[in-house]
Amino acid sequence: MISAKDPRYGWILIGMFAVNYSMVVIAIETIGLLLPQISEELSLSLSQQGWLASSVLFSNLILEIPATWLFSKYRPWRASAMSFFAAALFVAFNGWAPTLAILFIARIGLGMIYLSTQASRTLLLLHWIPGRQIGIANGVIFSVIEAVVGVGFIVMPLILAAVDDWRSALYIWAGACGVGAALWLVLGRDKPANEREELARPGVRSPLGSLFRYKETWILGLGVSGASAGRMAFATFWPTYVGNEYGISITIAGLILGLAGIARAPVILGVTLSSFISARTPLLLVICGILECVTFMGMIFGETLPILFLSGIINGMVMVFIPAMMTMLYRLPGIQEREAAVAVAVYFSWLWMGAALGPVVTGLLSEATGDLGFALLIMALGPLSLVVVGLILQGFGRRVESRAETQMEPR
């Protein structure tokens, strides 16, 4: 095994973290693949399905900032190890839930456990990766996450087909999460405080002050909220829609969504490694917003498998804006370690707000109109928020990347 003193160890560590983190995300986001069986067993309406999918995200929205502020006080490896084991237990709890009310509680609990990993992700990145490589490392993390989650969207329907029971599928996934948590506990470690590199010299100001100190946090959050609403609406209801409209099986729908995630991984890494693109994040947001909107519509109106596959994969490839946005936050001038954790938490609160509202609004709209396709069409317009924010940052925002380079010099 590579020694913790080896410079490569930090990269291996964040890779292991990303895999475990992804397994929790898979348990949350693949709910749409399980919903046909869940709704049949529990007799759920479309609006109830929307609320069920969003329940985990509403807990994230409400608790993201206080949870990150709290968990940023603790050592990230130890805190995340406990979180990953707890996540495995809550995935099993989701599988056991005998009623809708208990399933809601189990989903909310899984969301709360997921939240506890957010601060650990930021702190592990800042502790183990040299300052000038944080942007690259952020891209690596998200590339790993998207690739693993993409595989999860492919594997979950296969597990479901093999056991023909959504509860058993969740029990199997809980076991996989437990194995991942055990490996993280054995192979990971925290970096001693005297070996860490600081973002900025620590001061006495409260990390919560970053809520008001950096306007970019709120602007970027506004942009990601619309895009995340569209993404979660489609992840939740698109498998049901194409099944009813075009006779596409859950396995094929999962394959399309999975390939979209896998295709996104190398594009994220390429965007991160390209200094030309990373220095033009506002333009990237405009392009991504337009293309994501168009490809969502292709996933609605495409009547053949080739069109659905092409639209889904391109949609996945253009969803590369999150790591670019987060890198802007890490590079805010003068930002300190815990301030960065809180700034990322604010950003993710906006993301969770959009993601939570997406399935709920879709379910309510589809019940009100009797047309799930129309509801998805409305949600397909959500990514246009990226276009608005990209134009705002281009015209009025600070060019964080260029101004903050000196802030990232190793000390």
Protein backbone atom coordinates (compact mmCIF):
# COMPACT_ATOMS: atom_id res chain seq x y z
CA MET A 1 0.00 0.00 0.00
CA ILE A 2 1.18 3.54 -0.75
CA SER A 3 2.41 5.43 2.31
CA ALA A 4 0.44 8.47 3.46
CA LYS A 5 3.65 10.44 2.97
CA ASP A 6 3.57 9.70 -0.75
CA PRO A 7 2.18 12.66 -2.76
CA ARG A 8 -0.08 10.22 -4.63
CA TYR A 9 -1.85 9.18 -1.44
CA GLY A 10 -4.03 12.28 -1.34
CA TRP A 11 -5.31 11.56 -4.86
CA ILE A 12 -6.03 7.93 -3.99
CA LEU A 13 -7.84 9.06 -0.85
CA ILE A 14 -10.17 11.47 -2.63
CA GLY A 15 -10.82 8.76 -5.22
CA MET A 16 -11.88 6.30 -2.51
CA PHE A 17 -14.05 8.96 -0.92
CA ALA A 18 -15.70 9.73 -4.25
CA VAL A 19 -16.60 6.06 -4.79
CA ASN A 20 -18.22 5.73 -1.34
CA TYR A 21 -19.97 9.07 -1.76
CA SER A 22 -21.27 7.90 -5.15
CA MET A 23 -22.80 4.77 -3.66
CA VAL A 24 -24.89 6.91 -1.34
CA VAL A 25 -25.91 9.13 -4.28
CA ILE A 26 -26.98 6.04 -6.23
CA ALA A 27 -29.29 4.99 -3.39
CA ILE A 28 -30.87 8.46 -3.52
CA GLU A 29 -31.07 9.14 -7.26
CA THR A 30 -32.14 5.73 -8.60
CA ILE A 31 -35.49 6.04 -6.84
CA GLY A 32 -37.07 6.67 -10.26
CA LEU A 33 -36.06 3.17 -11.39
CA LEU A 34 -37.72 1.63 -8.32
CA LEU A 35 -40.85 3.80 -8.34
CA PRO A 36 -42.95 1.60 -10.68
CA GLN A 37 -42.71 -1.29 -8.19
CA ILE A 38 -42.93 0.95 -5.12
CA SER A 39 -45.98 2.81 -6.40
CA GLU A 40 -47.70 -0.45 -7.34
CA GLU A 41 -47.11 -1.98 -3.90
CA LEU A 42 -47.98 1.15 -1.91
CA SER A 43 -50.62 2.51 -4.34
CA LEU A 44 -48.93 5.88 -4.83
CA SER A 45 -50.27 8.74 -6.97
CA LEU A 46 -47.89 10.74 -9.17
CA SER A 47 -47.80 13.59 -6.65
CA GLN A 48 -46.97 11.14 -3.84
CA GLN A 49 -44.18 9.70 -5.98
CA GLY A 50 -42.85 13.23 -6.44
CA TRP A 51 -42.92 13.96 -2.72
CA LEU A 52 -41.23 10.62 -1.97
CA ALA A 53 -38.41 11.32 -4.42
CA SER A 54 -37.98 14.84 -3.03
CA SER A 55 -38.18 13.98 0.67
CA VAL A 56 -34.46 13.26 0.94
CA LEU A 57 -33.68 16.50 -0.90
CA PHE A 58 -35.86 18.70 1.30
CA SER A 59 -33.91 17.53 4.34
CA ASN A 60 -30.73 18.50 2.48
CA LEU A 61 -32.15 21.91 1.68
CA ILE A 62 -33.11 22.67 5.27
CA LEU A 63 -30.04 21.26 7.00
CA GLU A 64 -27.19 21.75 4.47
CA ILE A 65 -25.70 24.93 5.97
CA PRO A 66 -25.99 24.08 9.70
CA ALA A 67 -24.85 20.50 9.11
CA THR A 68 -21.80 21.62 7.14
CA TRP A 69 -20.95 24.25 9.74
CA LEU A 70 -21.17 21.56 12.45
CA PHE A 71 -19.30 18.77 10.66
CA SER A 72 -16.55 21.11 9.45
CA LYS A 73 -15.34 21.06 13.07
CA TYR A 74 -14.46 17.37 12.91
CA ARG A 75 -11.74 15.34 11.25
CA PRO A 76 -13.05 14.46 7.80
CA TRP A 77 -11.90 10.84 7.53
CA ARG A 78 -13.37 9.78 10.88
CA ALA A 79 -16.57 11.75 10.35
CA SER A 80 -17.09 10.38 6.84
CA ALA A 81 -16.38 6.79 7.95
CA MET A 82 -19.24 7.01 10.45
CA SER A 83 -21.44 8.62 7.80
CA PHE A 84 -20.80 5.86 5.24
CA PHE A 85 -21.67 3.11 7.74
CA ALA A 86 -24.80 5.00 8.79
CA ALA A 87 -25.76 5.42 5.12
CA ALA A 88 -25.61 1.64 4.62
CA LEU A 89 -27.97 1.16 7.55
CA PHE A 90 -30.42 3.76 6.22
CA VAL A 91 -30.43 2.21 2.74
CA ALA A 92 -31.47 -1.06 4.42
CA PHE A 93 -34.07 0.89 6.43
CA ASN A 94 -35.49 2.19 3.13
CA GLY A 95 -35.83 -1.39 1.93
CA TRP A 96 -37.59 -2.49 5.11
CA ALA A 97 -40.06 0.42 5.34
CA PRO A 98 -43.55 -1.19 5.45
CA THR A 99 -45.56 2.00 4.83
CA LEU A 100 -45.26 5.23 2.87
CA ALA A 101 -44.85 7.27 6.07
CA ILE A 102 -41.94 5.14 7.27
CA LEU A 103 -40.39 5.20 3.80
CA PHE A 104 -40.56 9.02 3.92
CA ILE A 105 -38.77 8.99 7.29
CA ALA A 106 -36.15 6.55 5.98
CA ARG A 107 -35.52 8.73 2.91
CA ILE A 108 -35.17 11.86 5.06
CA GLY A 109 -32.76 10.04 7.35
CA LEU A 110 -30.67 8.94 4.36
CA GLY A 111 -30.57 12.57 3.24
CA MET A 112 -29.35 13.72 6.64
CA ILE A 113 -26.60 11.10 6.63
CA TYR A 114 -25.62 12.14 3.12
CA LEU A 115 -25.34 15.74 4.32
CA SER A 116 -22.76 14.81 6.90
CA THR A 117 -20.37 13.81 4.10
CA GLN A 118 -20.44 17.24 2.42
CA ALA A 119 -18.08 19.03 4.80
CA SER A 120 -15.78 15.99 4.83
CA ARG A 121 -15.50 16.12 1.03
CA THR A 122 -14.46 19.78 1.07
CA LEU A 123 -12.02 19.37 3.96
CA LEU A 124 -10.39 16.23 2.53
CA LEU A 125 -9.83 18.09 -0.71
CA LEU A 126 -8.30 21.12 1.02
CA HIS A 127 -6.17 19.03 3.41
CA TRP A 128 -4.65 16.59 0.94
CA ILE A 129 -4.40 18.44 -2.39
CA PRO A 130 -1.97 21.33 -3.08
CA GLY A 131 -3.77 24.64 -3.57
CA ARG A 132 -2.97 25.10 -7.26
CA GLN A 133 -4.29 21.59 -8.02
CA ILE A 134 -7.64 21.95 -6.25
CA GLY A 135 -9.46 22.75 -9.49
CA ILE A 136 -8.08 19.60 -11.12
CA ALA A 137 -8.85 17.50 -8.04
CA ASN A 138 -12.39 18.84 -7.96
CA GLY A 139 -12.82 17.71 -11.55
CA VAL A 140 -11.38 14.29 -10.72
CA ILE A 141 -13.82 13.89 -7.83
CA PHE A 142 -16.83 14.74 -9.94
CA SER A 143 -15.60 12.58 -12.82
CA VAL A 144 -15.38 9.59 -10.49
CA ILE A 145 -18.77 10.39 -8.96
CA GLU A 146 -20.50 10.71 -12.32
CA ALA A 147 -18.89 7.53 -13.68
CA VAL A 148 -19.79 5.47 -10.60
CA VAL A 149 -23.32 6.88 -10.42
CA GLY A 150 -23.70 6.14 -14.13
CA VAL A 151 -22.71 2.54 -13.50
CA GLY A 152 -25.19 2.51 -10.62
CA PHE A 153 -28.04 3.49 -12.94
CA ILE A 154 -27.12 0.53 -15.14
CA VAL A 155 -26.57 -1.96 -12.30
CA MET A 156 -29.64 -1.14 -10.20
CA PRO A 157 -32.16 -2.25 -12.88
CA LEU A 158 -30.13 -5.43 -13.36
CA ILE A 159 -30.31 -6.15 -9.63
CA LEU A 160 -34.02 -5.37 -9.72
CA ALA A 161 -34.55 -7.70 -12.66
CA ALA A 162 -32.59 -10.47 -10.93
CA VAL A 163 -34.47 -10.34 -7.61
CA ASP A 164 -37.76 -8.86 -8.93
CA ASP A 165 -38.28 -7.00 -5.67
CA TRP A 166 -37.35 -3.38 -4.89
CA ARG A 167 -36.83 -4.16 -1.20
CA SER A 168 -34.32 -6.92 -1.91
CA ALA A 169 -32.53 -4.64 -4.39
CA LEU A 170 -32.06 -2.04 -1.66
CA TYR A 171 -30.82 -4.67 0.81
CA ILE A 172 -28.19 -5.75 -1.72
CA TRP A 173 -27.15 -2.13 -2.26
CA ALA A 174 -26.96 -1.57 1.50
CA GLY A 175 -24.51 -4.47 1.70
CA ALA A 176 -22.37 -2.94 -1.05
CA CYS A 177 -22.35 0.41 0.80
CA GLY A 178 -21.26 -1.39 3.98
CA VAL A 179 -18.33 -3.04 2.20
CA GLY A 180 -17.26 0.33 0.78
CA ALA A 181 -17.46 1.93 4.22
CA ALA A 182 -15.30 -0.83 5.73
CA LEU A 183 -12.61 -0.33 3.07
CA TRP A 184 -12.67 3.42 3.69
CA LEU A 185 -12.24 2.86 7.43
CA VAL A 186 -9.26 0.56 6.91
CA LEU A 187 -7.45 2.43 4.12
CA GLY A 188 -8.19 6.09 4.88
CA ARG A 189 -6.71 8.52 7.38
CA ASP A 190 -6.72 12.17 8.41
CA LYS A 191 -3.83 14.49 7.64
CA PRO A 192 -2.07 15.97 10.69
CA ALA A 193 -2.78 19.68 11.17
CA ASN A 194 0.90 20.64 10.93
CA GLU A 195 1.14 19.13 7.43
CA ARG A 196 -1.82 20.93 5.91
CA GLU A 197 -1.73 23.80 3.47
CA GLU A 198 -4.01 26.75 4.19
CA LEU A 199 -6.26 28.48 1.68
CA ALA A 200 -5.79 31.79 3.46
CA ARG A 201 -4.27 32.75 6.78
CA PRO A 202 -6.78 31.85 9.51
CA GLY A 203 -8.47 34.73 11.27
CA VAL A 204 -11.05 35.32 13.95
CA ARG A 205 -13.98 35.95 11.59
CA SER A 206 -16.85 33.49 11.64
CA PRO A 207 -17.10 31.08 8.71
CA LEU A 208 -20.80 31.94 8.55
CA GLY A 209 -19.72 35.41 7.41
CA SER A 210 -19.08 33.90 3.97
CA LEU A 211 -22.87 33.82 3.59
CA PHE A 212 -22.76 37.57 3.01
CA ARG A 213 -19.13 38.19 2.06
CA TYR A 214 -19.15 36.52 -1.36
CA LYS A 215 -21.98 37.32 -3.77
CA GLU A 216 -20.76 34.65 -6.23
CA THR A 217 -22.07 31.98 -3.86
CA TRP A 218 -25.66 33.16 -4.28
CA ILE A 219 -25.39 33.88 -8.00
CA LEU A 220 -24.00 30.41 -8.74
CA GLY A 221 -26.59 28.82 -6.47
CA LEU A 222 -29.41 30.51 -8.36
CA GLY A 223 -28.06 29.09 -11.60
CA VAL A 224 -27.72 25.51 -10.42
CA SER A 225 -31.20 25.40 -8.85
CA GLY A 226 -33.08 25.39 -12.17
CA ALA A 227 -30.74 22.84 -13.72
CA SER A 228 -31.01 20.51 -10.72
CA ALA A 229 -34.81 20.78 -10.80
CA GLY A 230 -34.80 19.51 -14.36
CA ARG A 231 -32.28 16.77 -13.65
CA MET A 232 -34.15 15.30 -10.67
CA ALA A 233 -37.53 15.60 -12.41
CA PHE A 234 -36.19 13.50 -15.27
CA ALA A 235 -34.33 11.05 -13.01
CA THR A 236 -37.57 10.47 -11.10
CA PHE A 237 -40.27 10.40 -13.77
CA TRP A 238 -38.58 9.91 -17.14
CA PRO A 239 -38.29 6.10 -16.77
CA THR A 240 -42.04 5.97 -16.06
CA TYR A 241 -42.80 8.34 -18.95
CA VAL A 242 -40.86 6.46 -21.63
CA GLY A 243 -42.26 3.18 -20.32
CA ASN A 244 -45.83 4.39 -20.71
CA GLU A 245 -45.28 6.41 -23.91
CA TYR A 246 -42.83 4.29 -25.89
CA GLY A 247 -42.80 0.91 -24.11
CA ILE A 248 -39.18 1.32 -22.96
CA SER A 249 -38.25 -1.06 -20.13
CA ILE A 250 -36.75 0.09 -16.84
CA THR A 251 -33.51 -1.68 -17.78
CA ILE A 252 -33.17 0.31 -21.02
CA ALA A 253 -34.16 3.57 -19.31
CA GLY A 254 -31.52 2.92 -16.65
CA LEU A 255 -28.97 2.14 -19.36
CA ILE A 256 -29.64 5.48 -21.07
CA LEU A 257 -29.36 7.43 -17.81
CA GLY A 258 -26.28 5.42 -16.82
CA LEU A 259 -24.48 6.00 -20.10
CA ALA A 260 -25.26 9.71 -19.73
CA GLY A 261 -23.39 9.74 -16.42
CA ILE A 262 -20.49 7.69 -17.75
CA ALA A 263 -20.18 9.98 -20.78
CA ARG A 264 -20.19 12.99 -18.51
CA ALA A 265 -17.15 11.84 -16.51
CA PRO A 266 -14.40 12.36 -19.15
CA VAL A 267 -15.98 15.62 -20.30
CA ILE A 268 -15.85 16.97 -16.74
CA LEU A 269 -12.20 16.01 -16.49
CA GLY A 270 -11.43 17.58 -19.86
CA VAL A 271 -13.17 20.83 -18.94
CA THR A 272 -11.32 20.91 -15.63
CA LEU A 273 -7.91 20.31 -17.21
CA SER A 274 -8.44 22.93 -19.92
CA SER A 275 -7.29 26.31 -18.65
CA PHE A 276 -8.96 27.91 -21.68
CA ILE A 277 -12.39 26.59 -20.65
CA SER A 278 -11.98 26.91 -16.87
CA ALA A 279 -11.15 30.60 -17.30
CA ARG A 280 -14.45 31.08 -19.14
CA THR A 281 -16.93 29.55 -16.72
CA PRO A 282 -19.71 32.11 -17.50
CA LEU A 283 -19.62 31.15 -21.19
CA LEU A 284 -19.58 27.47 -20.24
CA LEU A 285 -22.75 27.98 -18.19
CA VAL A 286 -24.57 29.61 -21.11
CA ILE A 287 -23.64 26.81 -23.51
CA CYS A 288 -24.51 24.05 -21.01
CA GLY A 289 -27.86 25.62 -20.15
CA ILE A 290 -28.97 25.79 -23.79
CA LEU A 291 -27.77 22.30 -24.72
CA GLU A 292 -29.24 20.69 -21.61
CA CYS A 293 -32.64 22.24 -22.32
CA VAL A 294 -32.59 21.05 -25.94
CA THR A 295 -31.53 17.50 -25.07
CA PHE A 296 -34.16 17.20 -22.33
CA MET A 297 -36.72 17.92 -25.04
CA GLY A 298 -35.14 15.25 -27.21
CA MET A 299 -35.63 12.79 -24.35
CA ILE A 300 -39.33 13.70 -24.29
CA PHE A 301 -40.15 13.77 -27.99
CA GLY A 302 -37.68 11.20 -29.32
CA GLU A 303 -39.80 8.30 -30.49
CA THR A 304 -37.01 5.86 -31.32
CA LEU A 305 -34.25 4.30 -29.25
CA PRO A 306 -31.40 5.93 -31.24
CA ILE A 307 -32.86 9.42 -30.62
CA LEU A 308 -33.46 8.68 -26.93
CA PHE A 309 -29.93 7.29 -26.48
CA LEU A 310 -28.36 10.22 -28.35
CA SER A 311 -30.37 12.84 -26.45
CA GLY A 312 -29.66 11.20 -23.09
CA ILE A 313 -25.93 10.82 -23.67
CA ILE A 314 -25.48 14.39 -24.97
CA ASN A 315 -27.54 15.62 -22.02
CA GLY A 316 -25.13 13.86 -19.72
CA MET A 317 -22.07 15.21 -21.51
CA VAL A 318 -23.12 18.86 -21.17
CA MET A 319 -23.94 18.57 -17.46
CA VAL A 320 -20.39 19.56 -16.52
CA PHE A 321 -21.05 22.87 -14.82
CA ILE A 322 -21.11 21.82 -11.14
CA PRO A 323 -17.34 21.26 -10.68
CA ALA A 324 -16.61 24.45 -12.65
CA MET A 325 -18.92 26.39 -10.34
CA MET A 326 -17.41 24.85 -7.21
CA THR A 327 -13.89 25.64 -8.36
CA MET A 328 -14.94 29.30 -8.54
CA LEU A 329 -15.98 29.06 -4.88
CA TYR A 330 -12.67 27.47 -3.82
CA ARG A 331 -10.83 30.31 -5.59
CA LEU A 332 -12.71 33.23 -4.06
CA PRO A 333 -10.14 35.84 -2.99
CA GLY A 334 -9.07 35.45 0.65
CA ILE A 335 -11.50 32.67 1.48
CA GLN A 336 -10.55 30.54 4.49
CA GLU A 337 -10.94 26.79 4.97
CA ARG A 338 -14.19 26.69 6.94
CA GLU A 339 -15.55 29.62 4.93
CA ALA A 340 -15.06 27.53 1.79
CA ALA A 341 -17.00 24.67 3.38
CA VAL A 342 -19.89 27.02 4.24
CA ALA A 343 -19.81 28.66 0.77
CA VAL A 344 -20.08 25.24 -0.84
CA ALA A 345 -22.94 24.44 1.56
CA VAL A 346 -24.83 27.56 0.43
CA TYR A 347 -24.32 26.54 -3.18
CA PHE A 348 -25.59 23.03 -2.49
CA SER A 349 -28.59 24.42 -0.59
CA TRP A 350 -29.67 26.08 -3.83
CA LEU A 351 -28.96 22.85 -5.70
CA TRP A 352 -31.09 20.86 -3.22
CA MET A 353 -33.90 23.39 -3.41
CA GLY A 354 -34.14 22.92 -7.16
CA ALA A 355 -33.69 19.16 -6.94
CA ALA A 356 -36.38 18.89 -4.26
CA LEU A 357 -38.89 21.02 -6.13
CA GLY A 358 -38.33 19.29 -9.47
CA PRO A 359 -40.09 15.95 -8.73
CA VAL A 360 -42.77 17.62 -6.59
CA VAL A 361 -43.71 20.19 -9.25
CA THR A 362 -43.62 17.50 -11.94
CA GLY A 363 -45.94 15.23 -9.96
CA LEU A 364 -48.40 18.03 -9.18
CA LEU A 365 -48.39 19.32 -12.76
CA SER A 366 -48.93 15.86 -14.20
CA GLU A 367 -51.89 15.24 -11.90
CA ALA A 368 -53.39 18.67 -12.64
CA THR A 369 -53.06 18.29 -16.43
CA GLY A 370 -53.21 14.53 -16.76
CA ASP A 371 -50.10 14.72 -18.93
CA LEU A 372 -46.71 13.63 -17.54
CA GLY A 373 -45.03 14.62 -20.81
CA PHE A 374 -46.22 18.22 -20.46
CA ALA A 375 -44.95 18.36 -16.87
CA LEU A 376 -41.53 17.11 -17.98
CA LEU A 377 -41.52 19.67 -20.81
CA ILE A 378 -41.95 22.47 -18.28
CA MET A 379 -39.10 21.09 -16.17
CA ALA A 380 -36.92 20.84 -19.29
CA LEU A 381 -36.82 24.66 -19.27
CA GLY A 382 -35.14 24.70 -15.85
CA PRO A 383 -31.53 24.69 -17.14
CA LEU A 384 -32.12 28.09 -18.76
CA SER A 385 -31.26 29.46 -15.29
CA LEU A 386 -27.65 28.65 -16.19
CA VAL A 387 -27.92 30.94 -19.20
CA VAL A 388 -29.17 33.82 -17.03
CA VAL A 389 -26.45 33.37 -14.42
CA GLY A 390 -23.73 32.95 -17.04
CA LEU A 391 -24.72 36.28 -18.57
CA ILE A 392 -24.79 37.93 -15.13
CA LEU A 393 -21.31 36.67 -14.29
CA GLN A 394 -20.00 37.65 -17.70
CA GLY A 395 -21.34 41.19 -17.46
CA PHE A 396 -21.17 42.07 -13.77
CA GLY A 397 -19.49 39.30 -11.78
CA ARG A 398 -15.88 39.24 -10.66
CA ARG A 399 -13.58 37.10 -12.77
CA VAL A 400 -12.67 34.94 -9.81
CA GLU A 401 -10.34 32.58 -11.61
CA SER A 402 -7.98 35.24 -12.89
CA ARG A 403 -8.04 37.41 -9.78
CA ALA A 404 -7.53 34.61 -7.30
CA GLU A 405 -4.49 32.84 -8.72
CA THR A 406 -2.20 34.49 -6.18
CA GLN A 407 -4.51 33.37 -3.40
CA MET A 408 -3.85 29.73 -4.31
CA GLU A 409 -0.05 29.86 -4.06
CA PRO A 410 1.25 27.24 -1.58
CA ARG A 411 2.40 28.65 1.73
